[in-house]
Protein backbone atom coordinates (compact mmCIF):
# COMPACT_ATOMS: atom_id res chain seq x y z
CA UNK A 1 8.07 19.80 -14.46
CA UNK A 2 6.16 19.37 -17.65
CA UNK A 3 8.71 18.78 -20.38
CA UNK A 4 7.43 17.76 -23.76
CA UNK A 5 10.01 15.86 -25.73
CA UNK A 6 9.77 14.16 -29.09
CA UNK A 7 7.95 10.86 -28.99
CA UNK A 8 7.89 7.96 -31.37
CA UNK A 9 5.24 7.93 -34.00
CA UNK A 10 3.07 4.85 -34.33
CA UNK A 11 3.48 2.92 -37.53
CA UNK A 12 1.74 0.05 -39.13
CA UNK A 13 -1.91 -0.85 -39.26
CA UNK A 14 -4.29 -1.81 -36.53
CA UNK A 15 -8.01 -2.32 -36.34
CA UNK A 16 -8.13 0.72 -34.08
CA UNK A 17 -5.97 3.33 -35.74
CA UNK A 18 -4.28 5.78 -33.37
CA UNK A 19 -4.52 9.51 -33.77
CA UNK A 20 -2.22 11.24 -36.25
CA UNK A 21 1.15 12.19 -34.87
CA UNK A 22 2.21 15.79 -34.54
CA UNK A 23 5.57 17.13 -35.46
CA UNK A 24 6.95 16.61 -31.97
CA UNK A 25 5.98 12.95 -32.02
CA UNK A 26 2.94 13.22 -29.78
CA UNK A 27 -0.56 12.47 -30.98
CA UNK A 28 -2.22 15.61 -32.34
CA UNK A 29 -5.59 14.53 -30.92
CA UNK A 30 -7.01 11.85 -28.65
CA UNK A 31 -8.94 9.59 -31.04
CA UNK A 32 -11.31 6.73 -30.27
CA UNK A 33 -8.65 4.28 -31.39
CA UNK A 34 -6.14 5.83 -29.00
CA UNK A 35 -8.69 5.73 -26.18
CA UNK A 36 -9.31 2.02 -26.80
CA UNK A 37 -5.57 1.31 -26.74
CA UNK A 38 -5.14 3.29 -23.51
CA UNK A 39 -8.03 1.35 -21.95
CA UNK A 40 -6.40 -1.99 -22.84
CA UNK A 41 -3.11 -0.82 -21.34
CA UNK A 42 -5.01 0.26 -18.23
CA UNK A 43 -6.60 -3.19 -17.92
CA UNK A 44 -3.15 -4.76 -18.07
CA UNK A 45 -1.96 -2.39 -15.34
CA UNK A 46 -4.92 -3.58 -13.22
CA UNK A 47 -3.36 -7.05 -13.24
CA UNK A 48 -0.08 -5.53 -12.06
CA UNK A 49 -1.97 -4.17 -9.06
CA UNK A 50 -3.77 -7.45 -8.50
CA UNK A 51 -0.46 -9.27 -8.41
CA UNK A 52 0.93 -6.78 -5.89
CA UNK A 53 -1.74 -7.64 -3.33
CA UNK A 54 -2.49 -11.27 -4.21
CA UNK A 55 0.56 -12.69 -2.44
CA UNK A 56 -0.24 -10.71 0.68
CA UNK A 57 -3.78 -12.14 0.68
CA UNK A 58 -2.58 -15.75 0.48
CA UNK A 59 0.58 -15.45 2.58
CA UNK A 60 -1.04 -16.59 5.83
CA UNK A 61 -2.62 -19.55 4.03
CA UNK A 62 0.71 -20.55 2.50
CA UNK A 63 2.36 -20.50 5.92
CA UNK A 64 -0.37 -22.38 7.78
CA UNK A 65 -2.11 -24.62 5.25
CA UNK A 66 0.30 -25.87 2.59
CA UNK A 67 2.67 -27.95 4.70
CA UNK A 68 5.61 -26.36 2.88
CA UNK A 69 7.32 -25.47 6.15
CA UNK A 70 7.36 -21.73 5.50
CA UNK A 71 8.46 -19.30 8.19
CA UNK A 72 7.81 -15.56 8.05
CA UNK A 73 11.33 -14.99 6.75
CA UNK A 74 11.09 -17.61 3.98
CA UNK A 75 7.61 -16.36 3.10
CA UNK A 76 9.14 -12.92 2.63
CA UNK A 77 11.82 -14.39 0.36
CA UNK A 78 9.19 -16.11 -1.80
CA UNK A 79 7.28 -12.84 -1.90
CA UNK A 80 10.38 -11.20 -3.32
CA UNK A 81 10.69 -13.66 -6.20
CA UNK A 82 7.98 -11.98 -8.27
CA UNK A 83 9.69 -8.64 -7.76
CA UNK A 84 13.04 -10.04 -8.91
CA UNK A 85 11.26 -11.13 -12.08
CA UNK A 86 9.64 -7.70 -12.39
CA UNK A 87 13.05 -6.06 -12.16
CA UNK A 88 14.39 -8.25 -14.95
CA UNK A 89 11.28 -7.76 -17.07
CA UNK A 90 11.11 -4.00 -16.63
CA UNK A 91 14.74 -3.37 -17.54
CA UNK A 92 14.78 -5.52 -20.66
CA UNK A 93 11.20 -4.98 -21.83
CA UNK A 94 11.68 -1.22 -21.83
CA UNK A 95 14.66 -1.63 -24.15
CA UNK A 96 12.80 -4.18 -26.29
CA UNK A 97 9.85 -1.81 -26.61
CA UNK A 98 12.23 0.77 -28.07
CA UNK A 99 13.70 -1.84 -30.44
CA UNK A 100 10.90 -4.24 -31.42
CA UNK A 101 7.83 -2.08 -30.96
CA UNK A 102 5.50 -1.51 -28.05
CA UNK A 103 2.64 -3.78 -29.14
CA UNK A 104 4.63 -7.00 -29.47
CA UNK A 105 6.43 -6.38 -26.19
CA UNK A 106 3.21 -5.65 -24.28
CA UNK A 107 1.35 -8.68 -25.62
CA UNK A 108 4.30 -11.00 -25.10
CA UNK A 109 4.68 -9.87 -21.50
CA UNK A 110 0.93 -10.29 -20.90
CA UNK A 111 0.97 -13.88 -22.14
CA UNK A 112 4.02 -14.79 -20.04
CA UNK A 113 2.51 -13.26 -16.91
CA UNK A 114 -0.87 -14.96 -17.38
CA UNK A 115 0.44 -18.47 -18.02
CA UNK A 116 2.90 -18.59 -15.12
CA UNK A 117 0.46 -16.98 -12.67
CA UNK A 118 -2.13 -19.63 -13.50
CA UNK A 119 0.49 -22.34 -12.94
CA UNK A 120 1.14 -20.97 -9.42
CA UNK A 121 -2.19 -22.48 -8.37
CA UNK A 122 -0.78 -25.95 -9.11
CA UNK A 123 2.65 -25.54 -7.47
CA UNK A 124 3.53 -28.69 -5.44
CA UNK A 125 6.06 -27.01 -3.15
CA UNK A 126 7.59 -23.70 -2.15
CA UNK A 127 10.52 -23.92 -4.56
CA UNK A 128 8.31 -24.44 -7.62
CA UNK A 129 5.92 -21.75 -6.41
CA UNK A 130 8.78 -19.27 -6.06
CA UNK A 131 10.14 -20.14 -9.51
CA UNK A 132 6.72 -19.64 -11.09
CA UNK A 133 6.32 -16.29 -9.32
CA UNK A 134 9.74 -15.29 -10.70
CA UNK A 135 8.73 -16.15 -14.27
CA UNK A 136 5.34 -14.47 -13.93
CA UNK A 137 7.12 -11.40 -12.59
CA UNK A 138 9.28 -11.15 -15.71
CA UNK A 139 6.17 -10.78 -17.84
CA UNK A 140 4.44 -8.52 -15.37
CA UNK A 141 7.46 -6.26 -14.94
CA UNK A 142 7.62 -5.61 -18.66
CA UNK A 143 4.01 -4.48 -18.91
CA UNK A 144 4.12 -1.14 -17.10
CA UNK A 145 7.12 0.53 -18.84
CA UNK A 146 6.03 -0.75 -22.26
CA UNK A 147 2.42 0.29 -21.75
CA UNK A 148 3.43 3.73 -20.48
CA UNK A 149 5.76 4.24 -23.43
CA UNK A 150 2.93 3.37 -25.83
CA UNK A 151 0.39 5.57 -24.07
CA UNK A 152 2.80 8.51 -24.09
CA UNK A 153 2.83 8.27 -27.90
CA UNK A 154 -0.94 8.00 -28.29
CA UNK A 155 -2.05 11.08 -26.37
CA UNK A 156 -1.43 14.79 -27.01
CA UNK A 157 1.60 16.14 -25.20
CA UNK A 158 -0.47 18.39 -22.94
CA UNK A 159 -2.34 15.34 -21.59
CA UNK A 160 0.65 13.03 -21.29
CA UNK A 161 1.34 13.55 -17.59
CA UNK A 162 -2.35 13.38 -16.66
CA UNK A 163 -3.08 10.22 -18.66
CA UNK A 164 0.09 8.48 -17.43
CA UNK A 165 -0.93 9.16 -13.83
CA UNK A 166 -4.57 8.15 -14.32
CA UNK A 167 -3.56 4.97 -16.13
CA UNK A 168 -1.59 3.92 -13.07
CA UNK A 169 -4.84 3.98 -11.09
CA UNK A 170 -5.13 0.44 -12.42
CA UNK A 171 -2.54 -0.67 -9.83
CA UNK A 172 -4.57 0.15 -6.70
CA UNK A 173 -7.81 -0.86 -8.41
CA UNK A 174 -6.28 -4.26 -9.11
CA UNK A 175 -5.09 -4.41 -5.52
CA UNK A 176 -8.56 -3.56 -4.27
CA UNK A 177 -9.99 -6.33 -6.41
CA UNK A 178 -7.49 -8.78 -4.92
CA UNK A 179 -8.46 -7.79 -1.38
CA UNK A 180 -12.20 -8.00 -2.10
CA UNK A 181 -11.91 -11.29 -3.99
CA UNK A 182 -9.68 -12.73 -1.28
CA UNK A 183 -12.22 -12.06 1.47
CA UNK A 184 -14.74 -14.29 -0.34
CA UNK A 185 -12.68 -16.77 -2.35
CA UNK A 186 -9.95 -17.88 0.04
CA UNK A 187 -12.33 -19.28 2.69
CA UNK A 188 -14.59 -20.82 0.03
CA UNK A 189 -12.14 -22.14 -2.59
CA UNK A 190 -8.67 -21.96 -1.08
CA UNK A 191 -5.64 -19.83 -1.84
CA UNK A 192 -5.16 -21.46 -5.24
CA UNK A 193 -8.25 -19.74 -6.63
CA UNK A 194 -6.58 -16.34 -6.29
CA UNK A 195 -4.03 -17.21 -8.98
CA UNK A 196 -6.58 -18.70 -11.36
CA UNK A 197 -8.00 -15.19 -11.82
CA UNK A 198 -5.13 -14.63 -14.30
CA UNK A 199 -7.14 -16.71 -16.77
CA UNK A 200 -9.14 -13.53 -17.39
CA UNK A 201 -6.03 -11.74 -18.64
CA UNK A 202 -5.25 -14.57 -21.04
CA UNK A 203 -8.72 -15.04 -22.52
CA UNK A 204 -10.07 -11.47 -22.41
CA UNK A 205 -7.42 -8.77 -22.16
CA UNK A 206 -4.83 -10.30 -24.50
CA UNK A 207 -7.37 -10.71 -27.35
CA UNK A 208 -8.44 -7.10 -26.77
CA UNK A 209 -4.80 -6.09 -27.07
CA UNK A 210 -4.47 -7.94 -30.36
CA UNK A 211 -7.43 -5.99 -31.68
CA UNK A 212 -6.87 -2.50 -30.32
CA UNK A 213 -3.17 -1.94 -29.61
CA UNK A 214 -1.37 -0.23 -32.52
CA UNK A 215 2.06 -1.47 -33.56
CA UNK A 216 4.93 0.96 -33.24
CA UNK A 217 8.36 0.76 -34.74
CA UNK A 218 11.32 1.68 -32.62
CA UNK A 219 12.37 5.28 -33.18
CA UNK A 220 15.94 4.21 -33.89
CA UNK A 221 14.70 1.93 -36.66
CA UNK A 222 12.62 4.70 -38.13
CA UNK A 223 15.63 6.99 -37.94
CA UNK A 224 17.82 4.45 -39.70
CA UNK A 225 15.28 4.14 -42.53
CA UNK A 226 15.12 7.89 -42.89
CA UNK A 227 18.89 8.08 -42.98
CA UNK A 228 19.05 5.44 -45.69
CA UNK A 229 16.47 7.29 -47.75
CA UNK A 230 18.41 10.52 -47.45
CA UNK A 231 21.68 8.78 -48.15
CA UNK A 232 23.91 6.47 -46.17
CA UNK A 233 26.65 9.08 -46.13
CA UNK A 234 24.66 11.31 -43.80
CA UNK A 235 25.25 9.00 -40.82
CA UNK A 236 22.54 10.74 -38.79
CA UNK A 237 21.17 8.51 -36.08
CA UNK A 238 19.57 9.14 -32.72
CA UNK A 239 21.61 7.21 -30.11
CA UNK A 240 19.48 4.93 -27.95
CA UNK A 241 19.81 2.28 -25.27
CA UNK A 242 21.29 2.30 -21.80
CA UNK A 243 24.60 3.70 -23.02
CA UNK A 244 22.81 6.89 -24.06
CA UNK A 245 20.65 6.98 -20.96
CA UNK A 246 23.57 6.75 -18.57
CA UNK A 247 25.66 9.57 -19.93
CA UNK A 248 25.34 13.33 -20.28
CA UNK A 249 22.92 15.02 -20.29
CA UNK A 250 20.77 12.29 -18.70
CA UNK A 251 23.10 10.48 -16.29
CA UNK A 252 22.48 12.43 -13.09
CA UNK A 253 18.71 12.62 -13.46
CA UNK A 254 18.50 8.96 -14.52
CA UNK A 255 20.33 7.84 -11.37
CA UNK A 256 18.17 10.04 -9.12
CA UNK A 257 14.96 8.81 -10.75
CA UNK A 258 16.10 5.21 -10.27
CA UNK A 259 17.04 5.58 -6.59
CA UNK A 260 13.85 7.54 -5.84
CA UNK A 261 11.87 4.71 -7.44
CA UNK A 262 13.73 2.15 -5.32
CA UNK A 263 12.70 4.00 -2.16
CA UNK A 264 9.10 4.52 -3.32
CA UNK A 265 8.59 0.91 -4.37
CA UNK A 266 10.14 -0.29 -1.11
CA UNK A 267 7.37 1.51 0.76
CA UNK A 268 4.55 0.64 -1.67
CA UNK A 269 5.39 -3.01 -2.26
CA UNK A 270 6.38 -3.55 1.36
CA UNK A 271 2.93 -2.41 2.45
CA UNK A 272 1.25 -4.39 -0.30
CA UNK A 273 3.04 -7.59 0.62
CA UNK A 274 2.97 -7.43 4.41
CA UNK A 275 -0.03 -5.29 5.41
CA UNK A 276 -2.62 -8.10 5.77
CA UNK A 277 -0.16 -10.18 7.79
CA UNK A 278 0.94 -7.21 9.89
CA UNK A 279 -2.64 -6.38 10.80
CA UNK A 280 -3.30 -10.01 11.74
CA UNK A 281 -0.26 -9.90 14.00
CA UNK A 282 -1.71 -6.72 15.49
CA UNK A 283 -4.76 -8.71 16.55
CA UNK A 284 -7.20 -8.43 13.66
CA UNK A 285 -8.76 -11.43 11.89
CA UNK A 286 -8.13 -12.18 8.21
CA UNK A 287 -11.29 -10.43 6.99
CA UNK A 288 -10.46 -7.24 8.90
CA UNK A 289 -6.82 -7.39 7.82
CA UNK A 290 -7.90 -7.56 4.19
CA UNK A 291 -10.18 -4.54 4.66
CA UNK A 292 -7.10 -2.60 5.78
CA UNK A 293 -5.42 -3.64 2.52
CA UNK A 294 -8.55 -2.46 0.73
CA UNK A 295 -8.28 0.93 2.47
CA UNK A 296 -4.65 1.23 1.33
CA UNK A 297 -5.61 0.51 -2.26
CA UNK A 298 -8.69 2.72 -2.29
CA UNK A 299 -6.43 5.50 -1.04
CA UNK A 300 -4.10 4.77 -3.91
CA UNK A 301 -7.02 4.99 -6.38
CA UNK A 302 -7.92 8.38 -4.95
CA UNK A 303 -4.24 9.29 -5.07
CA UNK A 304 -4.12 8.57 -8.79
CA UNK A 305 -6.88 11.10 -9.43
CA UNK A 306 -5.60 13.70 -6.97
CA UNK A 307 -2.00 13.51 -8.18
CA UNK A 308 -3.10 13.61 -11.82
CA UNK A 309 -4.74 16.97 -11.17
CA UNK A 310 -2.01 18.27 -8.88
CA UNK A 311 0.77 17.05 -11.16
CA UNK A 312 -0.72 18.98 -14.07
CA UNK A 313 -1.31 22.06 -11.92
CA UNK A 314 1.94 22.19 -9.95
CA UNK A 315 4.24 19.83 -11.86
CA UNK A 316 4.86 16.13 -11.22
CA UNK A 317 8.08 16.58 -9.21
CA UNK A 318 6.79 19.08 -6.59
CA UNK A 319 3.60 17.05 -6.25
CA UNK A 320 5.59 13.82 -5.85
CA UNK A 321 7.67 15.39 -3.07
CA UNK A 322 4.49 16.35 -1.20
CA UNK A 323 2.93 12.90 -1.77
CA UNK A 324 5.99 11.08 -0.44
CA UNK A 325 6.04 13.31 2.64
CA UNK A 326 2.35 12.58 3.29
CA UNK A 327 3.02 8.84 3.08
CA UNK A 328 5.94 9.05 5.48
CA UNK A 329 3.90 11.00 8.02
CA UNK A 330 0.91 8.66 7.81
CA UNK A 331 3.05 5.56 8.36
CA UNK A 332 4.76 7.11 11.38
CA UNK A 333 1.34 7.70 12.94
CA UNK A 334 0.59 3.96 12.62
CA UNK A 335 3.52 3.20 14.91
CA UNK A 336 1.68 4.65 17.94
CA UNK A 337 -1.25 2.19 17.49
CA UNK A 338 -4.01 4.78 17.05
CA UNK A 339 -7.76 3.98 17.17
CA UNK A 340 -9.07 1.85 14.34
CA UNK A 341 -10.71 4.78 12.56
CA UNK A 342 -7.40 6.63 12.50
CA UNK A 343 -5.67 3.48 11.24
CA UNK A 344 -8.00 3.36 8.25
CA UNK A 345 -7.47 7.05 7.52
CA UNK A 346 -3.69 6.78 7.79
CA UNK A 347 -3.69 3.79 5.44
CA UNK A 348 -5.74 5.78 2.95
CA UNK A 349 -3.17 8.59 3.17
CA UNK A 350 -0.34 6.06 2.83
CA UNK A 351 -1.99 4.73 -0.32
CA UNK A 352 -2.42 8.25 -1.69
CA UNK A 353 1.20 9.09 -0.95
CA UNK A 354 3.12 5.96 -1.91
CA UNK A 355 1.25 5.12 -5.08
CA UNK A 356 0.79 8.77 -6.02
CA UNK A 357 4.54 9.31 -5.77
CA UNK A 358 5.23 6.39 -8.10
CA UNK A 359 2.61 7.58 -10.62
CA UNK A 360 4.20 11.01 -10.69
CA UNK A 361 7.71 9.59 -11.13
CA UNK A 362 6.46 7.66 -14.15
CA UNK A 363 4.80 10.80 -15.53
CA UNK A 364 8.00 12.79 -15.01
CA UNK A 365 10.17 10.16 -16.71
CA UNK A 366 7.75 9.84 -19.65
CA UNK A 367 7.89 13.62 -20.15
CA UNK A 368 11.58 14.21 -19.53
CA UNK A 369 13.12 11.84 -22.09
CA UNK A 370 12.86 11.94 -25.90
CA UNK A 371 10.88 9.30 -27.75
CA UNK A 372 13.84 7.13 -28.73
CA UNK A 373 14.80 6.78 -25.04
CA UNK A 374 11.37 6.80 -23.41
CA UNK A 375 10.81 3.06 -23.16
CA UNK A 376 14.39 2.48 -22.07
CA UNK A 377 14.14 5.25 -19.44
CA UNK A 378 10.87 3.91 -18.04
CA UNK A 379 12.30 0.39 -17.98
CA UNK A 380 15.45 1.66 -16.26
CA UNK A 381 13.56 3.55 -13.55
CA UNK A 382 10.99 0.83 -12.91
CA UNK A 383 13.48 -2.02 -13.34
CA UNK A 384 16.07 -0.69 -10.92
CA UNK A 385 13.22 0.49 -8.71
CA UNK A 386 12.17 -3.13 -8.30
CA UNK A 387 15.23 -3.51 -6.09
CA UNK A 388 13.11 -1.81 -3.47
CA UNK A 389 10.22 -4.15 -4.23
CA UNK A 390 12.54 -7.15 -3.90
CA UNK A 391 14.05 -5.94 -0.64
CA UNK A 392 10.83 -4.88 1.09
CA UNK A 393 9.23 -8.32 1.59
CA UNK A 394 12.52 -9.75 2.85
CA UNK A 395 13.20 -6.82 5.17
CA UNK A 396 9.66 -7.07 6.53
CA UNK A 397 10.07 -10.78 7.21
CA UNK A 398 13.48 -10.32 8.82
CA UNK A 399 12.21 -7.55 11.09
CA UNK A 400 9.39 -9.80 12.27
CA UNK A 401 11.68 -12.81 12.65
CA UNK A 402 14.01 -10.68 14.77
CA UNK A 403 11.14 -9.93 17.12
CA UNK A 404 11.06 -6.20 16.34
CA UNK A 405 7.32 -6.27 15.81
CA UNK A 406 4.81 -4.58 13.55
CA UNK A 407 5.95 -1.03 14.33
CA UNK A 408 9.44 -1.70 12.94
CA UNK A 409 7.91 -2.48 9.56
CA UNK A 410 5.89 0.71 9.49
CA UNK A 411 8.96 2.74 10.46
CA UNK A 412 11.01 1.11 7.70
CA UNK A 413 8.37 1.92 5.08
CA UNK A 414 7.99 5.47 6.43
CA UNK A 415 11.73 5.99 6.23
CA UNK A 416 11.76 4.85 2.60
CA UNK A 417 9.00 7.34 1.73
CA UNK A 418 10.96 10.15 3.42
CA UNK A 419 14.09 9.23 1.47
CA UNK A 420 12.05 9.33 -1.75
CA UNK A 421 10.90 12.87 -0.94
CA UNK A 422 14.50 14.02 -0.44
CA UNK A 423 15.70 12.38 -3.67
CA UNK A 424 12.85 13.89 -5.68
CA UNK A 425 13.74 17.30 -4.28
CA UNK A 426 17.23 16.71 -5.66
CA UNK A 427 15.69 15.79 -9.05
CA UNK A 428 13.75 19.05 -9.06
CA UNK A 429 16.83 21.10 -8.23
CA UNK A 430 18.89 19.34 -10.88
CA UNK A 431 16.27 19.86 -13.57
CA UNK A 432 15.89 23.53 -12.67
CA UNK A 433 19.66 23.97 -12.85
CA UNK A 434 19.84 22.14 -16.17
CA UNK A 435 17.07 24.21 -17.71
CA UNK A 436 18.53 27.49 -16.49
CA UNK A 437 21.96 26.69 -17.94
CA UNK A 438 20.93 24.81 -21.10
CA UNK A 439 17.35 25.75 -21.98
CA UNK A 440 17.66 23.90 -25.29
CA UNK A 441 17.31 20.63 -23.36
CA UNK A 442 13.61 21.36 -23.02
CA UNK A 443 12.21 21.09 -26.53
CA UNK A 444 9.23 23.26 -25.69
CA UNK A 445 11.36 25.85 -23.99
CA UNK A 446 9.11 25.64 -20.95
CA UNK A 447 9.09 23.73 -17.77
CA UNK A 448 6.92 23.39 -14.72
CA UNK A 449 9.31 21.89 -12.19
């Protein structure tokens, strides 16, 4: 599937001016200013990935060193707090990005995330720590849909799927950084140091965003202004918001995208949260357990590149189905406790599959919806998808608390990846049916489902 739908045109001034906008709303060329803006968005996505892994790296320390009285189940609940915040942030920030402009939403979310993540290092107890993770998650959850909506408007339509997928490589790169930093910093400076890294986002990346991110006006606002210029009697206005997203012709696909994202993020965030602890329970020390997390994230980095190529060549939906199936198969293999070399390889494949699937879902959503719904659609998919991210840490903790062992976790995450593959197959069939019956829904008249 490679739909190209009208995107919002950037407005306003910025020190780094984006490329001119073509008639369909996409950038007509990929300018230096657009490249700088995409790079800043990518850096912010890196922090999303860092946050995914950072709790997993400190979880054992929180249980054993803080004196907060955490069990595995309560540790899983605290791990879910950030994802609850991400769900809230993603849903509302996507809508705000369509109403207030991408730049202000992105920068506001970055500041919120940075401040509350830094404060986590000073939390006096588990309740305060969980509350701070919730608030940091609200800012963090708003970054990805807003950044993807902005990037979709700054690149030519033919590169939209590729750039969206490559930009999400920031997630596993950030996770890899968390694993590498954790190996050195936790023994030397304590778990608190892992959260102080967010200072870099506040003092480096946010100022870069102020300089290089272009401001965009919401498409509905631009439409209203055009309507007023032409005459108030015309009444022409592009409907936007969740009410438009959750009705024909988008309702069915929107629900399928959301549920597929729930399943994918259950597998991806479940692994990210619990993998270091699971490998320690399997008999490995902390350093080795973190290298397994590194393997998962390096696989996800490779997956970003592989799926960017494959998504452009074969379409994001067919490629996502294959990626989800690969992840499910790799996680099932881990259940039989294979040799350590095979464990590393399977974790690399799991990283390729789980993260690659999510990248391709984002690319598909960014391409399927028109500009005035793009931010809302991305926020809807990623926001509702965070239900999976919220549930995964708790399910992992409950499975361990019930004495079902490490294998039960891997089976649960494998099952979620398999469900994602089935749901994405349903998306592909629905889009093919829609295009065959109402070809006008694809503005380019072409599709690569």
